[in-house]
Amino acid sequence: MFCPRSDLWKGFNATHGLAVWDPTPLYDNVTGDTFLFFGGPGRTKGHHWDIWMMQSEDQGSTWAAPRNISSMCGRAGTMGYGLSGDTPSGGAGVQLTTGRLIVPMYAGIPAGRTICYSDDHGKEWKVAHTDGQDATEGEVVELFPEKNKLAGSSPTLLYTI
């Protein structure tokens, strides 16, 4: 069971409250780092929530303080109903055969499909989305190429909702 040190949350709870949701773990099999993404905490002015990430370099024995990555992974104003922001899907992230780290995200209606991804083992994150069918709490998997597909071609992703 995930239970980070309570001292990581000092000041965090007083400022942000305790409400967090949709924990989404991701393991980098190149560096051995474990990431935990979550939405929250609580709702602040304008009904905006943030995207947070914690990182462990020792398989969860110790954790870095929560890092707000909303500016890298969020899309402001996507929720409608006066709400804004994306949130992790609450499932699990995946690492592609290319090494890219992917976290499925959702934002409600109308939203489309959203992922947050990193090509540098979690130092920087970017957001990609498609408009169209609403998606909530989806999962992402890599579809492995056919035997005769050209080497070096981009992976194909399946986003399930």
Protein backbone atom coordinates (compact mmCIF):
# COMPACT_ATOMS: atom_id res chain seq x y z
CA MET A 1 0.00 0.00 0.00
CA PHE A 2 1.28 3.48 -0.88
CA CYS A 3 1.85 5.63 2.17
CA PRO A 4 4.43 8.41 1.74
CA ARG A 5 6.10 9.96 4.75
CA SER A 6 3.77 12.33 6.55
CA ASP A 7 6.41 15.09 6.61
CA LEU A 8 6.08 15.41 2.83
CA TRP A 9 2.56 16.73 3.35
CA LYS A 10 3.39 19.41 5.98
CA GLY A 11 2.28 22.75 4.62
CA PHE A 12 0.71 20.99 1.63
CA ASN A 13 -2.43 20.04 3.59
CA ALA A 14 -2.77 23.48 5.17
CA THR A 15 -2.53 25.18 1.79
CA HIS A 16 -4.34 22.72 -0.43
CA GLY A 17 -6.55 20.53 1.76
CA LEU A 18 -6.61 16.76 1.83
CA ALA A 19 -8.76 15.92 -1.18
CA VAL A 20 -6.73 14.15 -3.87
CA TRP A 21 -7.98 11.66 -6.44
CA ASP A 22 -7.15 9.35 -9.32
CA PRO A 23 -3.72 8.05 -8.22
CA THR A 24 -1.93 6.82 -11.32
CA PRO A 25 1.40 4.99 -10.89
CA LEU A 26 4.05 4.72 -13.59
CA TYR A 27 7.33 2.79 -13.53
CA ASP A 28 10.34 3.73 -15.69
CA ASN A 29 12.13 0.45 -16.44
CA VAL A 30 15.20 2.33 -17.75
CA THR A 31 15.93 4.42 -14.62
CA GLY A 32 14.05 2.33 -12.06
CA ASP A 33 12.10 5.40 -10.91
CA THR A 34 8.49 5.12 -9.78
CA PHE A 35 6.11 8.03 -10.34
CA LEU A 36 2.73 8.66 -8.74
CA PHE A 37 0.40 11.15 -10.43
CA PHE A 38 -2.77 12.46 -8.83
CA GLY A 39 -5.34 15.20 -9.22
CA GLY A 40 -6.25 17.72 -6.59
CA PRO A 41 -5.98 18.69 -3.96
CA GLY A 42 -9.42 20.08 -3.35
CA ARG A 43 -10.81 22.76 -5.58
CA THR A 44 -9.47 26.27 -5.48
CA LYS A 45 -10.78 29.58 -6.82
CA GLY A 46 -12.56 29.20 -10.14
CA HIS A 47 -13.00 25.46 -9.57
CA HIS A 48 -9.56 24.66 -10.93
CA TRP A 49 -7.62 21.64 -9.81
CA ASP A 50 -4.01 20.77 -10.33
CA ILE A 51 -1.98 17.80 -11.52
CA TRP A 52 0.62 16.57 -9.05
CA MET A 53 3.47 14.08 -9.29
CA MET A 54 5.65 12.38 -6.71
CA GLN A 55 8.80 10.45 -7.62
CA SER A 56 10.67 7.64 -5.88
CA GLU A 57 14.13 6.47 -6.88
CA ASP A 58 14.10 3.46 -4.53
CA GLN A 59 10.91 1.58 -5.42
CA GLY A 60 8.75 3.54 -3.01
CA SER A 61 10.85 3.42 0.15
CA THR A 62 11.27 7.21 0.00
CA TRP A 63 9.45 9.86 -2.03
CA ALA A 64 10.27 13.36 -3.20
CA ALA A 65 7.85 16.11 -2.20
CA PRO A 66 4.77 16.50 -4.43
CA ARG A 67 5.52 18.51 -7.59
CA ASN A 68 2.83 20.53 -9.34
CA ILE A 69 3.06 19.70 -13.07
CA SER A 70 -0.17 21.41 -14.15
CA SER A 71 1.68 23.83 -16.41
CA MET A 72 3.17 20.89 -18.33
CA CYS A 73 0.25 18.43 -18.36
CA GLY A 74 -2.88 20.49 -17.95
CA ARG A 75 -5.19 22.11 -20.45
CA ALA A 76 -6.94 25.09 -18.91
CA GLY A 77 -10.62 25.57 -19.58
CA THR A 78 -11.42 22.09 -20.85
CA MET A 79 -14.03 21.02 -18.33
CA GLY A 80 -17.02 23.24 -19.02
CA TYR A 81 -19.51 23.86 -16.22
CA GLY A 82 -17.10 26.49 -14.84
CA LEU A 83 -14.42 23.87 -14.17
CA SER A 84 -10.98 23.62 -15.73
CA GLY A 85 -7.99 21.33 -15.88
CA ASP A 86 -7.08 17.73 -16.60
CA THR A 87 -6.54 14.95 -14.07
CA PRO A 88 -4.80 11.55 -14.23
CA SER A 89 -7.03 8.64 -15.22
CA GLY A 90 -6.74 6.70 -11.99
CA GLY A 91 -5.37 3.60 -13.73
CA ALA A 92 -1.70 3.16 -14.56
CA GLY A 93 0.83 4.79 -16.84
CA VAL A 94 2.85 2.89 -19.41
CA GLN A 95 6.36 3.03 -20.86
CA LEU A 96 6.54 2.50 -24.61
CA THR A 97 9.22 0.46 -26.36
CA THR A 98 10.72 3.81 -27.42
CA GLY A 99 11.22 4.72 -23.75
CA ARG A 100 8.48 7.37 -23.77
CA LEU A 101 6.51 7.55 -20.51
CA ILE A 102 2.74 7.99 -20.91
CA VAL A 103 0.08 8.91 -18.35
CA PRO A 104 -3.55 8.74 -19.49
CA MET A 105 -5.57 11.78 -18.48
CA TYR A 106 -9.15 12.99 -18.68
CA ALA A 107 -10.96 16.26 -18.28
CA GLY A 108 -14.67 15.56 -18.45
CA ILE A 109 -17.17 16.75 -21.02
CA PRO A 110 -16.29 17.86 -23.68
CA ALA A 111 -12.70 16.72 -23.52
CA GLY A 112 -11.51 14.16 -26.04
CA ARG A 113 -8.59 11.90 -25.15
CA THR A 114 -5.57 13.31 -23.34
CA ILE A 115 -2.16 11.96 -22.40
CA CYS A 116 0.77 13.48 -20.57
CA TYR A 117 4.11 12.18 -21.79
CA SER A 118 7.85 12.48 -21.17
CA ASP A 119 10.76 11.62 -23.42
CA ASP A 120 13.42 12.43 -20.80
CA HIS A 121 12.49 10.02 -17.97
CA GLY A 122 10.19 12.42 -16.16
CA LYS A 123 12.20 15.62 -16.06
CA GLU A 124 9.79 17.45 -18.37
CA TRP A 125 6.23 16.53 -19.35
CA LYS A 126 4.05 17.51 -22.32
CA VAL A 127 0.36 17.15 -23.06
CA ALA A 128 -1.25 15.76 -26.21
CA HIS A 129 -4.95 15.47 -26.85
CA THR A 130 -7.51 14.71 -29.49
CA ASP A 131 -10.86 16.40 -29.75
CA GLY A 132 -13.90 14.30 -30.31
CA GLN A 133 -15.41 11.51 -28.29
CA ASP A 134 -15.52 12.28 -24.59
CA ALA A 135 -13.17 10.15 -22.53
CA THR A 136 -13.06 9.56 -18.82
CA GLU A 137 -10.60 7.52 -16.81
CA GLY A 138 -9.21 5.65 -19.82
CA GLU A 139 -6.16 3.45 -20.17
CA VAL A 140 -3.41 3.51 -22.79
CA VAL A 141 -1.61 0.48 -24.24
CA GLU A 142 0.98 0.13 -26.98
CA LEU A 143 -0.04 -2.06 -29.91
CA PHE A 144 3.06 -3.89 -31.02
CA PRO A 145 4.02 -3.55 -34.69
CA GLU A 146 3.42 -6.26 -37.20
CA LYS A 147 6.46 -8.31 -38.22
CA ASN A 148 6.80 -6.53 -41.56
CA LYS A 149 6.38 -2.98 -40.21
CA LEU A 150 9.44 -0.80 -40.72
CA ALA A 151 11.87 -0.62 -37.82
CA GLY A 152 11.95 2.76 -36.13
CA SER A 153 8.34 3.63 -36.95
CA SER A 154 6.22 5.28 -34.28
CA PRO A 155 4.31 3.05 -31.87
CA THR A 156 0.57 2.79 -32.23
CA LEU A 157 -1.42 3.56 -29.09
CA LEU A 158 -4.85 2.33 -28.10
CA TYR A 159 -6.74 4.57 -25.66
CA THR A 160 -9.57 2.62 -24.09
CA ILE A 161 -12.49 4.36 -22.40
